[in-house]
PDB file of N, CA and C in Angstrom:
ATOM      1  N   MET A   1      14.168  -1.158  17.088  1.00  0.00           N
ATOM      2  CA  MET A   1      13.228  -1.627  15.867  1.00  0.00           C
ATOM      3  C   MET A   1      11.793  -1.156  16.207  1.00  0.00           C
ATOM      4  N   ALA A   2      11.294  -0.502  15.322  1.00  0.00           N
ATOM      5  CA  ALA A   2       9.734  -0.124  15.486  1.00  0.00           C
ATOM      6  C   ALA A   2       8.868  -1.155  16.084  1.00  0.00           C
ATOM      7  N   ALA A   3       9.089  -2.541  15.317  1.00  0.00           N
ATOM      8  CA  ALA A   3       8.147  -3.772  15.726  1.00  0.00           C
ATOM      9  C   ALA A   3       8.289  -4.093  17.328  1.00  0.00           C
ATOM     10  N   LYS A   4       9.558  -4.218  17.680  1.00  0.00           N
ATOM     11  CA  LYS A   4       9.773  -4.463  19.167  1.00  0.00           C
ATOM     12  C   LYS A   4       9.230  -3.346  20.047  1.00  0.00           C
ATOM     13  N   ASP A   5       9.443  -1.933  19.659  1.00  0.00           N
ATOM     14  CA  ASP A   5       8.834  -0.703  20.448  1.00  0.00           C
ATOM     15  C   ASP A   5       7.417  -0.904  20.352  1.00  0.00           C
ATOM     16  N   ALA A   6       6.715  -1.492  19.425  1.00  0.00           N
ATOM     17  CA  ALA A   6       5.152  -1.769  19.450  1.00  0.00           C
ATOM     18  C   ALA A   6       4.830  -2.931  20.273  1.00  0.00           C
ATOM     19  N   GLY A   7       5.934  -3.591  20.748  1.00  0.00           N
ATOM     20  CA  GLY A   7       5.427  -4.772  21.585  1.00  0.00           C
ATOM     21  C   GLY A   7       5.058  -6.106  20.701  1.00  0.00           C
ATOM     22  N   LEU A   8       5.599  -6.241  19.543  1.00  0.00           N
ATOM     23  CA  LEU A   8       5.195  -7.266  18.565  1.00  0.00           C
ATOM     24  C   LEU A   8       6.318  -8.294  18.798  1.00  0.00           C
ATOM     25  N   ASP A   9       6.187  -9.529  18.277  1.00  0.00           N
ATOM     26  CA  ASP A   9       7.023 -10.784  18.545  1.00  0.00           C
ATOM     27  C   ASP A   9       7.953 -10.723  17.354  1.00  0.00           C
ATOM     28  N   VAL A  10       9.072  -9.871  17.576  1.00  0.00           N
ATOM     29  CA  VAL A  10       9.953  -9.919  16.495  1.00  0.00           C
ATOM     30  C   VAL A  10      10.709 -11.180  16.021  1.00  0.00           C
ATOM     31  N   ALA A  11      10.809 -12.215  16.921  1.00  0.00           N
ATOM     32  CA  ALA A  11      11.273 -13.402  16.368  1.00  0.00           C
ATOM     33  C   ALA A  11      10.333 -14.291  15.493  1.00  0.00           C
ATOM     34  N   ARG A  12       8.946 -13.958  15.896  1.00  0.00           N
ATOM     35  CA  ARG A  12       7.838 -14.640  14.998  1.00  0.00           C
ATOM     36  C   ARG A  12       7.680 -13.872  13.724  1.00  0.00           C
ATOM     37  N   ILE A  13       8.077 -12.679  13.594  1.00  0.00           N
ATOM     38  CA  ILE A  13       7.869 -11.794  12.353  1.00  0.00           C
ATOM     39  C   ILE A  13       9.104 -12.245  11.532  1.00  0.00           C
ATOM     40  N   GLU A  14      10.344 -12.347  12.093  1.00  0.00           N
ATOM     41  CA  GLU A  14      11.495 -12.773  11.331  1.00  0.00           C
ATOM     42  C   GLU A  14      11.445 -14.128  10.631  1.00  0.00           C
ATOM     43  N   LYS A  15      10.768 -15.058  11.687  1.00  0.00           N
ATOM     44  CA  LYS A  15      10.514 -16.376  11.024  1.00  0.00           C
ATOM     45  C   LYS A  15       9.465 -16.380   9.918  1.00  0.00           C
ATOM     46  N   ASP A  16       8.154 -15.622  10.150  1.00  0.00           N
ATOM     47  CA  ASP A  16       7.387 -15.576   9.119  1.00  0.00           C
ATOM     48  C   ASP A  16       8.055 -14.991   7.772  1.00  0.00           C
ATOM     49  N   LEU A  17       8.732 -13.871   7.973  1.00  0.00           N
ATOM     50  CA  LEU A  17       9.392 -13.292   6.713  1.00  0.00           C
ATOM     51  C   LEU A  17      10.397 -14.190   5.791  1.00  0.00           C
ATOM     52  N   ALA A  18      10.900 -15.197   6.691  1.00  0.00           N
ATOM     53  CA  ALA A  18      11.675 -16.218   5.774  1.00  0.00           C
ATOM     54  C   ALA A  18      10.982 -17.337   5.367  1.00  0.00           C
ATOM     55  N   SER A  19       9.706 -17.480   5.499  1.00  0.00           N
ATOM     56  CA  SER A  19       8.830 -18.505   4.954  1.00  0.00           C
ATOM     57  C   SER A  19       8.782 -18.293   3.446  1.00  0.00           C
ATOM     58  N   PRO A  20       8.690 -19.399   2.749  1.00  0.00           N
ATOM     59  CA  PRO A  20       8.539 -19.356   1.127  1.00  0.00           C
ATOM     60  C   PRO A  20       7.311 -18.509   0.699  1.00  0.00           C
ATOM     61  N   GLU A  21       6.204 -19.101   1.358  1.00  0.00           N
ATOM     62  CA  GLU A  21       4.931 -18.365   1.117  1.00  0.00           C
ATOM     63  C   GLU A  21       5.004 -16.836   1.183  1.00  0.00           C
ATOM     64  N   ILE A  22       5.526 -16.339   2.318  1.00  0.00           N
ATOM     65  CA  ILE A  22       5.619 -14.768   2.423  1.00  0.00           C
ATOM     66  C   ILE A  22       6.440 -14.170   1.396  1.00  0.00           C
ATOM     67  N   LYS A  23       7.717 -14.747   1.238  1.00  0.00           N
ATOM     68  CA  LYS A  23       8.527 -14.372   0.213  1.00  0.00           C
ATOM     69  C   LYS A  23       7.981 -14.197  -1.080  1.00  0.00           C
ATOM     70  N   ALA A  24       7.277 -15.273  -1.522  1.00  0.00           N
ATOM     71  CA  ALA A  24       6.505 -15.319  -2.933  1.00  0.00           C
ATOM     72  C   ALA A  24       5.376 -14.289  -2.998  1.00  0.00           C
ATOM     73  N   THR A  25       4.726 -13.918  -1.733  1.00  0.00           N
ATOM     74  CA  THR A  25       3.742 -12.962  -1.833  1.00  0.00           C
ATOM     75  C   THR A  25       4.510 -11.516  -2.003  1.00  0.00           C
ATOM     76  N   ILE A  26       5.368 -11.445  -1.077  1.00  0.00           N
ATOM     77  CA  ILE A  26       6.038  -9.947  -1.188  1.00  0.00           C
ATOM     78  C   ILE A  26       6.541  -9.926  -2.677  1.00  0.00           C
ATOM     79  N   SER A  27       7.220 -10.896  -3.232  1.00  0.00           N
ATOM     80  CA  SER A  27       7.694 -10.876  -4.504  1.00  0.00           C
ATOM     81  C   SER A  27       6.625 -10.598  -5.655  1.00  0.00           C
ATOM     82  N   GLU A  28       5.392 -11.244  -5.667  1.00  0.00           N
ATOM     83  CA  GLU A  28       4.286 -10.923  -6.493  1.00  0.00           C
ATOM     84  C   GLU A  28       3.860  -9.337  -6.295  1.00  0.00           C
ATOM     85  N   ASN A  29       3.725  -9.132  -4.966  1.00  0.00           N
ATOM     86  CA  ASN A  29       3.224  -7.538  -4.869  1.00  0.00           C
ATOM     87  C   ASN A  29       4.315  -6.743  -5.430  1.00  0.00           C
ATOM     88  N   MET A  30       5.624  -6.816  -5.205  1.00  0.00           N
ATOM     89  CA  MET A  30       6.579  -5.947  -5.810  1.00  0.00           C
ATOM     90  C   MET A  30       6.586  -5.889  -7.399  1.00  0.00           C
ATOM     91  N   LYS A  31       6.341  -6.923  -7.781  1.00  0.00           N
ATOM     92  CA  LYS A  31       6.412  -6.907  -9.370  1.00  0.00           C
ATOM     93  C   LYS A  31       4.844  -6.290  -9.764  1.00  0.00           C
ATOM     94  N   LEU A  32       3.954  -6.551  -9.214  1.00  0.00           N
ATOM     95  CA  LEU A  32       2.662  -5.843  -9.461  1.00  0.00           C
ATOM     96  C   LEU A  32       2.764  -4.298  -9.257  1.00  0.00           C
ATOM     97  N   ALA A  33       3.457  -3.843  -8.229  1.00  0.00           N
ATOM     98  CA  ALA A  33       3.844  -2.435  -8.079  1.00  0.00           C
ATOM     99  C   ALA A  33       4.586  -2.005  -9.269  1.00  0.00           C
ATOM    100  N   ASP A  34       5.670  -2.760  -9.659  1.00  0.00           N
ATOM    101  CA  ASP A  34       6.557  -2.361 -10.619  1.00  0.00           C
ATOM    102  C   ASP A  34       5.874  -2.264 -11.880  1.00  0.00           C
ATOM    103  N   ASP A  35       5.080  -3.036 -12.176  1.00  0.00           N
ATOM    104  CA  ASP A  35       4.225  -3.265 -13.607  1.00  0.00           C
ATOM    105  C   ASP A  35       3.312  -1.881 -13.563  1.00  0.00           C
ATOM    106  N   MET A  36       2.954  -1.492 -12.325  1.00  0.00           N
ATOM    107  CA  MET A  36       1.802  -0.239 -12.363  1.00  0.00           C
ATOM    108  C   MET A  36       2.651   1.211 -12.172  1.00  0.00           C
ATOM    109  N   ASP A  37       3.926   0.986 -12.067  1.00  0.00           N
ATOM    110  CA  ASP A  37       4.714   2.259 -11.938  1.00  0.00           C
ATOM    111  C   ASP A  37       4.496   2.829 -10.467  1.00  0.00           C
ATOM    112  N   MET A  38       4.033   1.834  -9.640  1.00  0.00           N
ATOM    113  CA  MET A  38       4.092   2.433  -8.149  1.00  0.00           C
ATOM    114  C   MET A  38       5.331   2.316  -7.520  1.00  0.00           C
ATOM    115  N   ASN A  39       6.148   3.359  -7.220  1.00  0.00           N
ATOM    116  CA  ASN A  39       7.286   3.238  -6.749  1.00  0.00           C
ATOM    117  C   ASN A  39       7.543   4.184  -5.449  1.00  0.00           C
ATOM    118  N   GLY A  40       6.406   4.118  -4.753  1.00  0.00           N
ATOM    119  CA  GLY A  40       6.523   4.985  -3.380  1.00  0.00           C
ATOM    120  C   GLY A  40       5.346   4.308  -2.654  1.00  0.00           C
ATOM    121  N   THR A  41       5.487   4.704  -1.299  1.00  0.00           N
ATOM    122  CA  THR A  41       4.571   4.155  -0.255  1.00  0.00           C
ATOM    123  C   THR A  41       4.030   5.644   0.451  1.00  0.00           C
ATOM    124  N   PRO A  42       2.902   5.588   0.710  1.00  0.00           N
ATOM    125  CA  PRO A  42       1.826   4.653   0.308  1.00  0.00           C
ATOM    126  C   PRO A  42       1.613   4.829  -0.767  1.00  0.00           C
ATOM    127  N   SER A  43       0.853   3.842  -1.376  1.00  0.00           N
ATOM    128  CA  SER A  43       0.066   3.854  -2.730  1.00  0.00           C
ATOM    129  C   SER A  43      -1.177   3.243  -2.960  1.00  0.00           C
ATOM    130  N   TYR A  44      -1.819   3.854  -3.712  1.00  0.00           N
ATOM    131  CA  TYR A  44      -3.341   3.543  -3.798  1.00  0.00           C
ATOM    132  C   TYR A  44      -3.635   3.367  -5.322  1.00  0.00           C
ATOM    133  N   VAL A  45      -4.731   2.484  -5.579  1.00  0.00           N
ATOM    134  CA  VAL A  45      -5.460   2.582  -6.738  1.00  0.00           C
ATOM    135  C   VAL A  45      -6.962   2.729  -6.466  1.00  0.00           C
ATOM    136  N   ILE A  46      -7.322   3.749  -6.970  1.00  0.00           N
ATOM    137  CA  ILE A  46      -8.658   4.386  -6.680  1.00  0.00           C
ATOM    138  C   ILE A  46      -9.414   4.778  -7.941  1.00  0.00           C
ATOM    139  N   GLY A  47     -10.247   3.678  -8.206  1.00  0.00           N
ATOM    140  CA  GLY A  47     -11.026   3.870  -9.484  1.00  0.00           C
ATOM    141  C   GLY A  47      -9.973   3.484 -10.632  1.00  0.00           C
ATOM    142  N   LYS A  48      -9.805   4.464 -11.414  1.00  0.00           N
ATOM    143  CA  LYS A  48      -8.691   4.318 -12.600  1.00  0.00           C
ATOM    144  C   LYS A  48      -7.416   5.101 -12.571  1.00  0.00           C
ATOM    145  N   GLN A  49      -7.245   5.573 -11.012  1.00  0.00           N
ATOM    146  CA  GLN A  49      -6.232   6.553 -10.831  1.00  0.00           C
ATOM    147  C   GLN A  49      -5.264   5.906  -9.853  1.00  0.00           C
ATOM    148  N   ILE A  50      -3.885   6.081 -10.059  1.00  0.00           N
ATOM    149  CA  ILE A  50      -3.083   5.573  -9.135  1.00  0.00           C
ATOM    150  C   ILE A  50      -2.388   6.672  -8.558  1.00  0.00           C
ATOM    151  N   VAL A  51      -2.575   6.531  -7.066  1.00  0.00           N
ATOM    152  CA  VAL A  51      -2.137   7.763  -6.181  1.00  0.00           C
ATOM    153  C   VAL A  51      -0.910   7.257  -5.505  1.00  0.00           C
ATOM    154  N   ILE A  52       0.186   8.006  -5.748  1.00  0.00           N
ATOM    155  CA  ILE A  52       1.391   7.610  -5.129  1.00  0.00           C
ATOM    156  C   ILE A  52       1.743   8.708  -3.976  1.00  0.00           C
ATOM    157  N   GLY A  53       2.108   8.228  -2.795  1.00  0.00           N
ATOM    158  CA  GLY A  53       2.608   9.256  -1.803  1.00  0.00           C
ATOM    159  C   GLY A  53       1.505   9.529  -0.823  1.00  0.00           C
ATOM    160  N   ALA A  54       1.802  10.206   0.253  1.00  0.00           N
ATOM    161  CA  ALA A  54       0.792  10.762   1.275  1.00  0.00           C
ATOM    162  C   ALA A  54       0.162  11.997   0.776  1.00  0.00           C
ATOM    163  N   VAL A  55      -1.135  11.754   0.317  1.00  0.00           N
ATOM    164  CA  VAL A  55      -1.720  12.991  -0.278  1.00  0.00           C
ATOM    165  C   VAL A  55      -2.731  13.547   0.865  1.00  0.00           C
ATOM    166  N   GLY A  56      -2.905  12.887   2.024  1.00  0.00           N
ATOM    167  CA  GLY A  56      -3.662  13.446   3.136  1.00  0.00           C
ATOM    168  C   GLY A  56      -5.159  13.078   2.962  1.00  0.00           C
ATOM    169  N   LEU A  57      -5.921  13.129   4.220  1.00  0.00           N
ATOM    170  CA  LEU A  57      -7.286  12.668   3.890  1.00  0.00           C
ATOM    171  C   LEU A  57      -8.223  13.519   2.898  1.00  0.00           C
ATOM    172  N   GLU A  58      -7.903  14.832   2.777  1.00  0.00           N
ATOM    173  CA  GLU A  58      -8.495  15.439   1.812  1.00  0.00           C
ATOM    174  C   GLU A  58      -8.294  15.191   0.417  1.00  0.00           C
ATOM    175  N   GLY A  59      -6.975  14.901   0.253  1.00  0.00           N
ATOM    176  CA  GLY A  59      -6.646  14.408  -1.300  1.00  0.00           C
ATOM    177  C   GLY A  59      -7.267  13.059  -1.517  1.00  0.00           C
ATOM    178  N   LEU A  60      -7.290  12.229  -0.571  1.00  0.00           N
ATOM    179  CA  LEU A  60      -7.956  10.988  -0.667  1.00  0.00           C
ATOM    180  C   LEU A  60      -9.590  10.859  -1.037  1.00  0.00           C
ATOM    181  N   LYS A  61     -10.162  12.053  -0.080  1.00  0.00           N
ATOM    182  CA  LYS A  61     -11.485  12.127  -0.407  1.00  0.00           C
ATOM    183  C   LYS A  61     -11.843  12.701  -1.784  1.00  0.00           C
ATOM    184  N   GLU A  62     -11.005  13.508  -2.273  1.00  0.00           N
ATOM    185  CA  GLU A  62     -11.224  14.006  -3.547  1.00  0.00           C
ATOM    186  C   GLU A  62     -11.098  13.026  -4.747  1.00  0.00           C
ATOM    187  N   LYS A  63      -9.999  12.167  -4.632  1.00  0.00           N
ATOM    188  CA  LYS A  63      -9.846  11.082  -5.472  1.00  0.00           C
ATOM    189  C   LYS A  63     -10.880  10.153  -5.323  1.00  0.00           C
ATOM    190  N   ILE A  64     -11.253   9.789  -4.218  1.00  0.00           N
ATOM    191  CA  ILE A  64     -12.754   8.822  -4.215  1.00  0.00           C
ATOM    192  C   ILE A  64     -13.725   9.562  -4.877  1.00  0.00           C
ATOM    193  N   GLY A  65     -14.081  10.817  -4.497  1.00  0.00           N
ATOM    194  CA  GLY A  65     -15.024  11.309  -5.268  1.00  0.00           C
ATOM    195  C   GLY A  65     -15.152  11.439  -6.813  1.00  0.00           C
ATOM    196  N   ILE A  66     -13.798  11.623  -7.282  1.00  0.00           N
ATOM    197  CA  ILE A  66     -13.673  11.502  -8.724  1.00  0.00           C
ATOM    198  C   ILE A  66     -13.938  10.091  -9.112  1.00  0.00           C
ATOM    199  N   ALA A  67     -13.524   9.080  -8.641  1.00  0.00           N
ATOM    200  CA  ALA A  67     -13.796   7.822  -8.933  1.00  0.00           C
ATOM    201  C   ALA A  67     -15.304   7.340  -8.746  1.00  0.00           C
ATOM    202  N   ARG A  68     -15.888   7.970  -7.979  1.00  0.00           N
ATOM    203  CA  ARG A  68     -17.312   7.595  -7.746  1.00  0.00           C
ATOM    204  C   ARG A  68     -18.460   8.321  -8.752  1.00  0.00           C
ATOM    205  N   CYS A  69     -18.046   9.641  -8.759  1.00  0.00           N
ATOM    206  CA  CYS A  69     -18.941  10.339  -9.521  1.00  0.00           C
ATOM    207  C   CYS A  69     -18.483  11.378 -10.467  1.00  0.00           C
ATOM    208  N   GLY A  70     -17.082  11.243 -10.815  1.00  0.00           N
ATOM    209  CA  GLY A  70     -16.579  12.040 -11.784  1.00  0.00           C
ATOM    210  C   GLY A  70     -16.243  13.577 -11.281  1.00  0.00           C
ATOM    211  N   LYS A  71     -16.415  13.958 -10.050  1.00  0.00           N
ATOM    212  CA  LYS A  71     -16.130  15.049  -9.477  1.00  0.00           C
ATOM    213  C   LYS A  71     -15.572  14.912  -7.921  1.00  0.00           C
ATOM    214  N   ALA A  72     -14.898  16.023  -7.445  1.00  0.00           N
ATOM    215  CA  ALA A  72     -14.327  16.031  -6.154  1.00  0.00           C
ATOM    216  C   ALA A  72     -15.310  15.473  -5.032  1.00  0.00           C
ATOM    217  N   THR A  73     -16.379  16.186  -5.018  1.00  0.00           N
ATOM    218  CA  THR A  73     -17.519  15.810  -4.079  1.00  0.00           C
ATOM    219  C   THR A  73     -18.845  15.591  -4.917  1.00  0.00           C
ATOM    220  N   CYS A  74     -19.401  14.426  -4.551  1.00  0.00           N
ATOM    221  CA  CYS A  74     -20.792  13.930  -4.990  1.00  0.00           C
ATOM    222  C   CYS A  74     -21.736  14.749  -4.454  1.00  0.00           C
TER     223      CYS A  74
END
């Protein structure tokens, strides 16, 4: 398990994931993602754009530039 390999407290993670509060938060986020047609990870909302998938640093910089000033670089 990646969490264990990273040195995280797996028992605590499993306990937290079983809590009603965490389950409700995950459910709410899943519904929001579904409502926005965000069906992959990572996903970002940048300005008025929805970006799905790993577009890389340059791709993110371009999307942020468009959101800030209407072109890839400001």
